[in-house]
Amino acid sequence: MLRSVLALLLLVIPAAAHATEAGWALLRDGGHVVLLRHAMVTGTTDPANFDIEKCATQVNLSVRGKQQARKIGALFDARAAPVERVLSSRYCRSLDTARTAFREEPKPFAPLDLLKTDASEKAAQLEAIMNEIRAYSGSDNVVMVTHLENIMALTGISPREGEAVIVEPQGDGLRVLGRVTF
């Protein structure tokens, strides 16, 4: 049993490393949109007294999350074309990931907030994100810092905390070009 698990790990780890290298190659070329899940956090759900204006009422970056965000920024600096613009969910964990990683004030973009539960509000939110992605045509990269649920709804992928998913518009949806894990 242990040998089977080890053999599986030996197959998965190189595949993930290869995927990450392919993702960096795309980002080095520039002109891409990156959906970045916020870095590691202290809990799993926001408290009942949640207030988007008050970080003390939200799940926030953990110590490891702050380190991860710094690592994300350092690797983007070293391995990717410049980042033209950073958009972020208004949640503190996303804003702090963006500020720490890219050392600039991100543009808060409400559609990147956690998805609404109302179907029509959720559809409008996803359409606003899609419109932003479709409108991008620059030569540098754009980063959108958001949440697991948003990335899953847009791509079908369940990224880890701090994982980047590189996308491009395709038809009515998105095509995943690559991923980078940190």
N, C-alpha and C. Protein backbone atom coordinates (compact mmCIF):
# COMPACT_ATOMS: atom_id res chain seq x y z
N MET A 1 0.83 -1.20 0.00
CA MET A 1 0.00 0.00 0.00
C MET A 1 0.86 1.25 0.00
N LEU A 2 1.85 1.28 0.90
CA LEU A 2 2.73 2.44 0.99
C LEU A 2 3.49 2.66 -0.31
N ARG A 3 3.92 1.58 -0.93
CA ARG A 3 4.63 1.70 -2.22
C ARG A 3 3.72 2.28 -3.29
N SER A 4 2.45 1.89 -3.29
CA SER A 4 1.50 2.42 -4.27
C SER A 4 1.32 3.92 -4.09
N VAL A 5 1.20 4.35 -2.84
CA VAL A 5 1.05 5.78 -2.55
C VAL A 5 2.30 6.54 -2.99
N LEU A 6 3.47 6.01 -2.65
CA LEU A 6 4.72 6.67 -3.04
C LEU A 6 4.87 6.72 -4.56
N ALA A 7 4.51 5.65 -5.24
CA ALA A 7 4.60 5.63 -6.70
C ALA A 7 3.66 6.68 -7.30
N LEU A 8 2.46 6.78 -6.74
CA LEU A 8 1.51 7.78 -7.22
C LEU A 8 2.05 9.20 -7.01
N LEU A 9 2.63 9.45 -5.84
CA LEU A 9 3.22 10.76 -5.56
C LEU A 9 4.35 11.08 -6.54
N LEU A 10 5.15 10.10 -6.86
CA LEU A 10 6.26 10.32 -7.79
C LEU A 10 5.76 10.67 -9.19
N LEU A 11 4.57 10.22 -9.53
CA LEU A 11 3.97 10.58 -10.82
C LEU A 11 3.31 11.94 -10.77
N VAL A 12 2.65 12.27 -9.68
CA VAL A 12 1.89 13.51 -9.58
C VAL A 12 2.81 14.72 -9.41
N ILE A 13 3.81 14.63 -8.57
CA ILE A 13 4.68 15.78 -8.30
C ILE A 13 5.37 16.28 -9.57
N PRO A 14 5.99 15.42 -10.38
CA PRO A 14 6.58 15.94 -11.62
C PRO A 14 5.55 16.55 -12.57
N ALA A 15 4.34 15.99 -12.61
CA ALA A 15 3.30 16.55 -13.48
C ALA A 15 2.92 17.94 -13.02
N ALA A 16 2.78 18.14 -11.71
CA ALA A 16 2.45 19.47 -11.18
C ALA A 16 3.59 20.44 -11.45
N ALA A 17 4.81 20.00 -11.28
CA ALA A 17 5.97 20.86 -11.55
C ALA A 17 6.02 21.23 -13.02
N HIS A 18 5.72 20.28 -13.90
CA HIS A 18 5.71 20.56 -15.34
C HIS A 18 4.61 21.57 -15.68
N ALA A 19 3.43 21.39 -15.06
CA ALA A 19 2.33 22.32 -15.31
C ALA A 19 2.72 23.72 -14.86
N THR A 20 3.38 23.81 -13.71
CA THR A 20 3.80 25.11 -13.21
C THR A 20 4.82 25.75 -14.15
N GLU A 21 5.77 24.97 -14.65
CA GLU A 21 6.76 25.50 -15.60
C GLU A 21 6.10 25.98 -16.88
N ALA A 22 5.12 25.24 -17.37
CA ALA A 22 4.39 25.65 -18.57
C ALA A 22 3.63 26.95 -18.31
N GLY A 23 3.06 27.07 -17.11
CA GLY A 23 2.37 28.30 -16.74
C GLY A 23 3.31 29.49 -16.72
N TRP A 24 4.51 29.30 -16.15
CA TRP A 24 5.49 30.40 -16.13
C TRP A 24 5.90 30.79 -17.54
N ALA A 25 6.02 29.82 -18.42
CA ALA A 25 6.38 30.14 -19.81
C ALA A 25 5.32 31.05 -20.43
N LEU A 26 4.05 30.77 -20.18
CA LEU A 26 2.98 31.63 -20.69
C LEU A 26 3.08 33.03 -20.10
N LEU A 27 3.28 33.11 -18.78
CA LEU A 27 3.34 34.41 -18.12
C LEU A 27 4.56 35.21 -18.53
N ARG A 28 5.63 34.54 -18.87
CA ARG A 28 6.84 35.22 -19.37
C ARG A 28 6.55 35.93 -20.68
N ASP A 29 5.70 35.31 -21.50
CA ASP A 29 5.34 35.91 -22.80
C ASP A 29 4.44 37.13 -22.64
N GLY A 30 3.69 37.20 -21.54
CA GLY A 30 2.80 38.33 -21.29
C GLY A 30 1.52 38.26 -22.09
N GLY A 31 0.66 39.25 -21.83
CA GLY A 31 -0.61 39.34 -22.54
C GLY A 31 -1.68 38.41 -22.01
N HIS A 32 -1.52 37.92 -20.79
CA HIS A 32 -2.47 36.94 -20.24
C HIS A 32 -3.26 37.47 -19.06
N VAL A 33 -4.40 36.83 -18.82
CA VAL A 33 -5.23 37.10 -17.65
C VAL A 33 -5.03 35.96 -16.67
N VAL A 34 -4.77 36.31 -15.42
CA VAL A 34 -4.53 35.34 -14.37
C VAL A 34 -5.62 35.46 -13.32
N LEU A 35 -6.31 34.36 -13.06
CA LEU A 35 -7.24 34.28 -11.94
C LEU A 35 -6.43 33.70 -10.78
N LEU A 36 -6.22 34.49 -9.75
CA LEU A 36 -5.40 34.07 -8.61
C LEU A 36 -6.29 33.89 -7.39
N ARG A 37 -6.29 32.69 -6.85
CA ARG A 37 -7.02 32.48 -5.59
C ARG A 37 -6.20 33.12 -4.48
N HIS A 38 -6.87 33.83 -3.58
CA HIS A 38 -6.16 34.48 -2.47
C HIS A 38 -5.27 33.47 -1.74
N ALA A 39 -4.27 33.97 -1.02
CA ALA A 39 -3.33 33.13 -0.29
C ALA A 39 -4.01 32.48 0.92
N MET A 40 -3.27 31.65 1.63
CA MET A 40 -3.78 30.87 2.76
C MET A 40 -4.39 31.75 3.85
N VAL A 41 -5.48 31.26 4.43
CA VAL A 41 -6.22 32.03 5.42
C VAL A 41 -6.28 31.32 6.78
N THR A 42 -6.85 32.05 7.76
CA THR A 42 -6.91 31.58 9.14
C THR A 42 -8.09 30.66 9.44
N GLY A 43 -9.10 30.65 8.63
CA GLY A 43 -10.30 29.84 8.89
C GLY A 43 -10.94 29.41 7.60
N THR A 44 -12.20 28.96 7.71
CA THR A 44 -12.88 28.45 6.52
C THR A 44 -14.09 29.28 6.11
N THR A 45 -14.76 29.92 7.06
CA THR A 45 -15.93 30.73 6.71
C THR A 45 -15.90 32.04 7.48
N ASP A 46 -16.44 33.06 6.86
CA ASP A 46 -16.51 34.36 7.51
C ASP A 46 -17.50 34.30 8.67
N PRO A 47 -17.23 35.04 9.76
CA PRO A 47 -18.14 35.04 10.91
C PRO A 47 -19.50 35.63 10.56
N ALA A 48 -20.46 35.39 11.44
CA ALA A 48 -21.83 35.88 11.24
C ALA A 48 -21.89 37.40 11.19
N ASN A 49 -20.96 38.07 11.87
CA ASN A 49 -20.96 39.54 11.88
C ASN A 49 -20.13 40.14 10.74
N PHE A 50 -19.95 39.38 9.66
CA PHE A 50 -19.16 39.81 8.51
C PHE A 50 -19.56 41.20 8.03
N ASP A 51 -18.54 42.02 7.79
CA ASP A 51 -18.72 43.36 7.22
C ASP A 51 -17.58 43.56 6.23
N ILE A 52 -17.90 43.75 4.97
CA ILE A 52 -16.86 43.87 3.93
C ILE A 52 -15.93 45.05 4.19
N GLU A 53 -16.36 46.02 4.96
CA GLU A 53 -15.53 47.20 5.26
C GLU A 53 -14.60 46.99 6.45
N LYS A 54 -14.77 45.89 7.20
CA LYS A 54 -14.00 45.67 8.44
C LYS A 54 -13.30 44.32 8.40
N CYS A 55 -11.98 44.37 8.26
CA CYS A 55 -11.20 43.13 8.17
C CYS A 55 -11.33 42.28 9.42
N ALA A 56 -11.55 42.89 10.58
CA ALA A 56 -11.67 42.14 11.83
C ALA A 56 -12.88 41.22 11.83
N THR A 57 -13.82 41.42 10.93
CA THR A 57 -15.03 40.59 10.86
C THR A 57 -14.93 39.54 9.74
N GLN A 58 -13.74 39.34 9.21
CA GLN A 58 -13.56 38.43 8.08
C GLN A 58 -12.48 37.40 8.37
N VAL A 59 -12.49 36.32 7.59
CA VAL A 59 -11.36 35.40 7.56
C VAL A 59 -10.24 36.15 6.86
N ASN A 60 -9.04 36.13 7.45
CA ASN A 60 -7.92 36.89 6.91
C ASN A 60 -6.73 35.99 6.60
N LEU A 61 -5.72 36.56 5.97
CA LEU A 61 -4.52 35.79 5.66
C LEU A 61 -3.86 35.31 6.95
N SER A 62 -3.39 34.07 6.91
CA SER A 62 -2.62 33.52 8.02
C SER A 62 -1.17 33.99 7.87
N VAL A 63 -0.34 33.67 8.83
CA VAL A 63 1.09 33.98 8.73
C VAL A 63 1.65 33.30 7.48
N ARG A 64 1.28 32.04 7.27
CA ARG A 64 1.73 31.32 6.06
C ARG A 64 1.19 31.98 4.80
N GLY A 65 -0.04 32.48 4.87
CA GLY A 65 -0.64 33.16 3.72
C GLY A 65 0.12 34.42 3.35
N LYS A 66 0.55 35.18 4.36
CA LYS A 66 1.34 36.39 4.10
C LYS A 66 2.69 36.02 3.48
N GLN A 67 3.29 34.94 3.97
CA GLN A 67 4.55 34.47 3.37
C GLN A 67 4.31 34.01 1.93
N GLN A 68 3.22 33.30 1.73
CA GLN A 68 2.88 32.82 0.39
C GLN A 68 2.67 33.99 -0.56
N ALA A 69 1.98 35.03 -0.12
CA ALA A 69 1.75 36.20 -0.97
C ALA A 69 3.07 36.87 -1.34
N ARG A 70 4.00 36.97 -0.38
CA ARG A 70 5.33 37.54 -0.71
C ARG A 70 6.05 36.68 -1.74
N LYS A 71 5.94 35.36 -1.60
CA LYS A 71 6.57 34.43 -2.55
C LYS A 71 5.95 34.59 -3.94
N ILE A 72 4.63 34.72 -3.99
CA ILE A 72 3.95 34.92 -5.28
C ILE A 72 4.51 36.15 -5.97
N GLY A 73 4.62 37.25 -5.23
CA GLY A 73 5.15 38.48 -5.81
C GLY A 73 6.58 38.34 -6.28
N ALA A 74 7.42 37.71 -5.47
CA ALA A 74 8.83 37.53 -5.84
C ALA A 74 8.95 36.69 -7.10
N LEU A 75 8.14 35.64 -7.20
CA LEU A 75 8.22 34.79 -8.39
C LEU A 75 7.65 35.48 -9.62
N PHE A 76 6.60 36.26 -9.47
CA PHE A 76 6.09 37.04 -10.61
C PHE A 76 7.18 38.01 -11.07
N ASP A 77 7.85 38.67 -10.13
CA ASP A 77 8.93 39.60 -10.50
C ASP A 77 10.04 38.90 -11.27
N ALA A 78 10.39 37.71 -10.82
CA ALA A 78 11.53 36.99 -11.40
C ALA A 78 11.19 36.22 -12.68
N ARG A 79 9.93 35.77 -12.83
CA ARG A 79 9.65 34.81 -13.88
C ARG A 79 8.58 35.22 -14.88
N ALA A 80 7.93 36.37 -14.68
CA ALA A 80 6.80 36.73 -15.56
C ALA A 80 7.02 38.10 -16.18
N ALA A 81 6.31 38.33 -17.28
CA ALA A 81 6.27 39.67 -17.85
C ALA A 81 5.64 40.59 -16.80
N PRO A 82 5.80 41.88 -16.94
CA PRO A 82 5.21 42.79 -15.94
C PRO A 82 3.70 42.59 -15.79
N VAL A 83 3.23 42.93 -14.62
CA VAL A 83 1.79 42.92 -14.35
C VAL A 83 1.28 44.32 -14.60
N GLU A 84 0.39 44.44 -15.57
CA GLU A 84 -0.14 45.74 -15.97
C GLU A 84 -1.13 46.28 -14.95
N ARG A 85 -1.96 45.36 -14.42
CA ARG A 85 -3.05 45.78 -13.56
C ARG A 85 -3.42 44.64 -12.64
N VAL A 86 -3.80 45.00 -11.41
CA VAL A 86 -4.27 44.01 -10.45
C VAL A 86 -5.68 44.41 -10.00
N LEU A 87 -6.63 43.53 -10.25
CA LEU A 87 -8.00 43.70 -9.78
C LEU A 87 -8.20 42.72 -8.63
N SER A 88 -9.04 43.09 -7.67
CA SER A 88 -9.21 42.22 -6.52
C SER A 88 -10.64 42.23 -6.01
N SER A 89 -11.04 41.10 -5.47
CA SER A 89 -12.24 41.04 -4.65
C SER A 89 -12.07 42.07 -3.54
N ARG A 90 -13.17 42.55 -3.00
CA ARG A 90 -13.10 43.55 -1.92
C ARG A 90 -12.88 42.91 -0.56
N TYR A 91 -12.85 41.60 -0.49
CA TYR A 91 -12.57 40.91 0.77
C TYR A 91 -11.12 41.15 1.17
N CYS A 92 -10.89 41.34 2.46
CA CYS A 92 -9.55 41.69 2.95
C CYS A 92 -8.50 40.65 2.57
N ARG A 93 -8.85 39.36 2.58
CA ARG A 93 -7.87 38.32 2.24
C ARG A 93 -7.39 38.44 0.80
N SER A 94 -8.27 38.87 -0.09
CA SER A 94 -7.89 39.07 -1.49
C SER A 94 -7.10 40.36 -1.67
N LEU A 95 -7.59 41.43 -1.07
CA LEU A 95 -6.88 42.72 -1.15
C LEU A 95 -5.47 42.60 -0.56
N ASP A 96 -5.35 41.91 0.59
CA ASP A 96 -4.04 41.75 1.23
C ASP A 96 -3.11 40.87 0.41
N THR A 97 -3.66 39.84 -0.22
CA THR A 97 -2.84 39.01 -1.12
C THR A 97 -2.29 39.88 -2.25
N ALA A 98 -3.16 40.67 -2.86
CA ALA A 98 -2.75 41.52 -3.99
C ALA A 98 -1.73 42.56 -3.55
N ARG A 99 -1.98 43.25 -2.44
CA ARG A 99 -1.06 44.29 -1.96
C ARG A 99 0.31 43.71 -1.63
N THR A 100 0.31 42.57 -0.95
CA THR A 100 1.57 41.96 -0.53
C THR A 100 2.34 41.42 -1.73
N ALA A 101 1.66 40.73 -2.62
CA ALA A 101 2.33 40.10 -3.76
C ALA A 101 2.84 41.13 -4.77
N PHE A 102 2.01 42.11 -5.08
CA PHE A 102 2.34 43.00 -6.19
C PHE A 102 2.74 44.40 -5.76
N ARG A 103 2.78 44.63 -4.44
CA ARG A 103 3.28 45.88 -3.85
C ARG A 103 2.65 47.12 -4.49
N GLU A 104 1.36 47.02 -4.71
CA GLU A 104 0.60 48.16 -5.21
C GLU A 104 -0.83 48.03 -4.71
N GLU A 105 -1.54 49.11 -4.77
CA GLU A 105 -2.94 49.08 -4.35
C GLU A 105 -3.77 48.50 -5.49
N PRO A 106 -4.39 47.35 -5.27
CA PRO A 106 -5.21 46.77 -6.33
C PRO A 106 -6.49 47.56 -6.53
N LYS A 107 -7.07 47.41 -7.70
CA LYS A 107 -8.37 48.03 -7.96
C LYS A 107 -9.45 47.08 -7.44
N PRO A 108 -10.21 47.50 -6.40
CA PRO A 108 -11.30 46.65 -5.93
C PRO A 108 -12.33 46.48 -7.05
N PHE A 109 -12.73 45.26 -7.29
CA PHE A 109 -13.66 44.94 -8.36
C PHE A 109 -14.72 43.99 -7.78
N ALA A 110 -15.87 44.55 -7.42
CA ALA A 110 -16.92 43.83 -6.69
C ALA A 110 -17.32 42.49 -7.33
N PRO A 111 -17.35 42.35 -8.65
CA PRO A 111 -17.71 41.05 -9.20
C PRO A 111 -16.77 39.91 -8.78
N LEU A 112 -15.55 40.24 -8.34
CA LEU A 112 -14.62 39.21 -7.88
C LEU A 112 -14.90 38.77 -6.44
N ASP A 113 -15.82 39.45 -5.74
CA ASP A 113 -16.22 39.04 -4.39
C ASP A 113 -16.81 37.63 -4.45
N LEU A 114 -16.97 37.00 -3.29
CA LEU A 114 -17.62 35.68 -3.26
C LEU A 114 -18.93 35.74 -4.03
N LEU A 115 -19.21 34.68 -4.75
CA LEU A 115 -20.41 34.65 -5.60
C LEU A 115 -21.68 34.77 -4.77
N LYS A 116 -22.62 35.51 -5.31
CA LYS A 116 -23.93 35.69 -4.69
C LYS A 116 -24.70 34.37 -4.75
N THR A 117 -25.64 34.20 -3.85
CA THR A 117 -26.44 32.97 -3.86
C THR A 117 -27.62 33.07 -4.81
N ASP A 118 -28.13 34.28 -5.03
CA ASP A 118 -29.22 34.48 -5.98
C ASP A 118 -28.72 34.20 -7.40
N ALA A 119 -29.41 33.36 -8.13
CA ALA A 119 -28.96 32.92 -9.45
C ALA A 119 -28.76 34.08 -10.43
N SER A 120 -29.67 35.05 -10.45
CA SER A 120 -29.52 36.16 -11.40
C SER A 120 -28.37 37.08 -10.99
N GLU A 121 -28.18 37.31 -9.69
CA GLU A 121 -27.05 38.12 -9.22
C GLU A 121 -25.72 37.43 -9.52
N LYS A 122 -25.68 36.12 -9.31
CA LYS A 122 -24.48 35.32 -9.59
C LYS A 122 -24.14 35.38 -11.09
N ALA A 123 -25.15 35.22 -11.93
CA ALA A 123 -24.93 35.28 -13.39
C ALA A 123 -24.40 36.65 -13.80
N ALA A 124 -24.95 37.71 -13.22
CA ALA A 124 -24.48 39.07 -13.54
C ALA A 124 -23.04 39.27 -13.08
N GLN A 125 -22.72 38.72 -11.93
CA GLN A 125 -21.37 38.83 -11.40
C GLN A 125 -20.36 38.11 -12.32
N LEU A 126 -20.69 36.90 -12.72
CA LEU A 126 -19.80 36.14 -13.61
C LEU A 126 -19.69 36.81 -14.97
N GLU A 127 -20.77 37.38 -15.46
CA GLU A 127 -20.74 38.08 -16.75
C GLU A 127 -19.84 39.31 -16.68
N ALA A 128 -19.87 40.03 -15.56
CA ALA A 128 -19.00 41.20 -15.39
C ALA A 128 -17.52 40.79 -15.39
N ILE A 129 -17.21 39.67 -14.78
CA ILE A 129 -15.82 39.16 -14.81
C ILE A 129 -15.44 38.78 -16.23
N MET A 130 -16.34 38.06 -16.91
CA MET A 130 -16.07 37.67 -18.30
C MET A 130 -15.87 38.89 -19.19
N ASN A 131 -16.67 39.91 -19.01
CA ASN A 131 -16.52 41.14 -19.82
C ASN A 131 -15.16 41.77 -19.58
N GLU A 132 -14.70 41.77 -18.35
CA GLU A 132 -13.38 42.33 -18.02
C GLU A 132 -12.28 41.52 -18.70
N ILE A 133 -12.41 40.21 -18.67
CA ILE A 133 -11.41 39.33 -19.30
C ILE A 133 -11.44 39.52 -20.83
N ARG A 134 -12.62 39.54 -21.41
CA ARG A 134 -12.74 39.71 -22.88
C ARG A 134 -12.17 41.05 -23.34
N ALA A 135 -12.27 42.07 -22.51
CA ALA A 135 -11.83 43.41 -22.89
C ALA A 135 -10.32 43.57 -22.84
N TYR A 136 -9.60 42.65 -22.20
CA TYR A 136 -8.16 42.82 -22.07
C TYR A 136 -7.43 42.42 -23.35
N SER A 137 -6.54 43.31 -23.79
CA SER A 137 -5.74 43.01 -24.99
C SER A 137 -4.33 43.57 -24.88
N GLY A 138 -3.83 43.75 -23.68
CA GLY A 138 -2.50 44.32 -23.49
C GLY A 138 -1.39 43.31 -23.71
N SER A 139 -0.14 43.78 -23.58
CA SER A 139 1.01 42.91 -23.78
C SER A 139 1.60 42.42 -22.46
N ASP A 140 1.20 43.02 -21.34
CA ASP A 140 1.62 42.55 -20.02
C ASP A 140 0.51 41.67 -19.45
N ASN A 141 0.67 41.22 -18.23
CA ASN A 141 -0.32 40.35 -17.61
C ASN A 141 -1.28 41.15 -16.72
N VAL A 142 -2.48 40.64 -16.59
CA VAL A 142 -3.48 41.18 -15.67
C VAL A 142 -3.77 40.09 -14.64
N VAL A 143 -3.81 40.48 -13.38
CA VAL A 143 -4.10 39.53 -12.31
C VAL A 143 -5.42 39.91 -11.66
N MET A 144 -6.28 38.91 -11.48
CA MET A 144 -7.57 39.09 -10.80
C MET A 144 -7.55 38.19 -9.57
N VAL A 145 -7.48 38.81 -8.39
CA VAL A 145 -7.41 38.04 -7.14
C VAL A 145 -8.84 37.81 -6.65
N THR A 146 -9.20 36.54 -6.47
CA THR A 146 -10.57 36.19 -6.16
C THR A 146 -10.63 34.95 -5.28
N HIS A 147 -11.73 34.23 -5.34
CA HIS A 147 -12.03 33.13 -4.43
C HIS A 147 -12.22 31.82 -5.18
N LEU A 148 -12.12 30.73 -4.44
CA LEU A 148 -12.28 29.38 -4.99
C LEU A 148 -13.55 29.25 -5.81
N GLU A 149 -14.69 29.66 -5.23
CA GLU A 149 -15.98 29.48 -5.89
C GLU A 149 -16.04 30.20 -7.23
N ASN A 150 -15.45 31.38 -7.30
CA ASN A 150 -15.48 32.15 -8.54
C ASN A 150 -14.67 31.44 -9.63
N ILE A 151 -13.47 30.99 -9.26
CA ILE A 151 -12.61 30.33 -10.24
C ILE A 151 -13.26 29.03 -10.70
N MET A 152 -13.86 28.30 -9.77
CA MET A 152 -14.55 27.06 -10.15
C MET A 152 -15.70 27.34 -11.11
N ALA A 153 -16.49 28.36 -10.83
CA ALA A 153 -17.63 28.69 -11.70
C ALA A 153 -17.17 29.12 -13.09
N LEU A 154 -16.03 29.79 -13.16
CA LEU A 154 -15.53 30.29 -14.45
C LEU A 154 -14.77 29.23 -15.25
N THR A 155 -14.09 28.31 -14.55
CA THR A 155 -13.18 27.39 -15.24
C THR A 155 -13.44 25.91 -15.00
N GLY A 156 -14.16 25.58 -13.94
CA GLY A 156 -14.33 24.18 -13.56
C GLY A 156 -13.16 23.64 -12.76
N ILE A 157 -12.17 24.47 -12.50
CA ILE A 157 -10.97 24.07 -11.76
C ILE A 157 -11.10 24.48 -10.30
N SER A 158 -10.60 23.62 -9.42
CA SER A 158 -10.59 23.91 -7.98
C SER A 158 -9.15 24.21 -7.55
N PRO A 159 -8.74 25.48 -7.62
CA PRO A 159 -7.34 25.81 -7.30
C PRO A 159 -7.07 25.80 -5.80
N ARG A 160 -5.82 25.55 -5.47
CA ARG A 160 -5.38 25.67 -4.08
C ARG A 160 -5.31 27.14 -3.70
N GLU A 161 -5.21 27.40 -2.41
CA GLU A 161 -5.01 28.79 -1.98
C GLU A 161 -3.70 29.28 -2.58
N GLY A 162 -3.73 30.47 -3.17
CA GLY A 162 -2.55 31.04 -3.78
C GLY A 162 -2.21 30.49 -5.15
N GLU A 163 -3.06 29.68 -5.74
CA GLU A 163 -2.77 29.12 -7.07
C GLU A 163 -3.27 30.05 -8.16
N ALA A 164 -2.51 30.15 -9.23
CA ALA A 164 -2.85 30.99 -10.38
C ALA A 164 -3.37 30.11 -11.52
N VAL A 165 -4.46 30.56 -12.14
CA VAL A 165 -5.02 29.87 -13.29
C VAL A 165 -5.00 30.88 -14.44
N ILE A 166 -4.29 30.55 -15.50
CA ILE A 166 -4.12 31.44 -16.65
C ILE A 166 -5.21 31.10 -17.66
N VAL A 167 -5.96 32.13 -18.08
CA VAL A 167 -7.14 31.89 -18.92
C VAL A 167 -7.18 32.82 -20.13
N GLU A 168 -8.02 32.41 -21.09
CA GLU A 168 -8.35 33.28 -22.21
C GLU A 168 -9.80 33.01 -22.59
N PRO A 169 -10.46 34.02 -23.15
CA PRO A 169 -11.86 33.81 -23.56
C PRO A 169 -11.93 32.79 -24.69
N GLN A 170 -12.96 31.97 -24.63
CA GLN A 170 -13.23 31.00 -25.69
C GLN A 170 -14.73 30.81 -25.77
N GLY A 171 -15.33 31.27 -26.86
CA GLY A 171 -16.78 31.20 -26.99
C GLY A 171 -17.44 31.99 -25.87
N ASP A 172 -18.38 31.37 -25.19
CA ASP A 172 -19.07 32.02 -24.08
C ASP A 172 -18.34 31.86 -22.75
N GLY A 173 -17.27 31.08 -22.74
CA GLY A 173 -16.58 30.78 -21.49
C GLY A 173 -15.10 31.10 -21.55
N LEU A 174 -14.36 30.35 -20.74
CA LEU A 174 -12.91 30.54 -20.66
C LEU A 174 -12.19 29.24 -20.98
N ARG A 175 -11.06 29.37 -21.58
CA ARG A 175 -10.16 28.24 -21.79
C ARG A 175 -9.00 28.38 -20.83
N VAL A 176 -8.69 27.32 -20.10
CA VAL A 176 -7.56 27.33 -19.18
C VAL A 176 -6.31 27.03 -19.98
N LEU A 177 -5.36 27.95 -19.93
CA LEU A 177 -4.10 27.80 -20.66
C LEU A 177 -3.02 27.16 -19.81
N GLY A 178 -3.06 27.42 -18.51
CA GLY A 178 -2.03 26.89 -17.62
C GLY A 178 -2.34 27.23 -16.18
N ARG A 179 -1.51 26.67 -15.32
CA ARG A 179 -1.66 26.90 -13.87
C ARG A 179 -0.27 27.04 -13.26
N VAL A 180 -0.22 27.80 -12.16
CA VAL A 180 1.02 27.94 -11.40
C VAL A 180 0.68 27.79 -9.94
N THR A 181 1.36 26.87 -9.27
CA THR A 181 1.17 26.70 -7.83
C THR A 181 2.35 27.30 -7.10
N PHE A 182 2.09 27.81 -5.91
CA PHE A 182 3.12 28.47 -5.11
C PHE A 182 3.30 27.73 -3.80
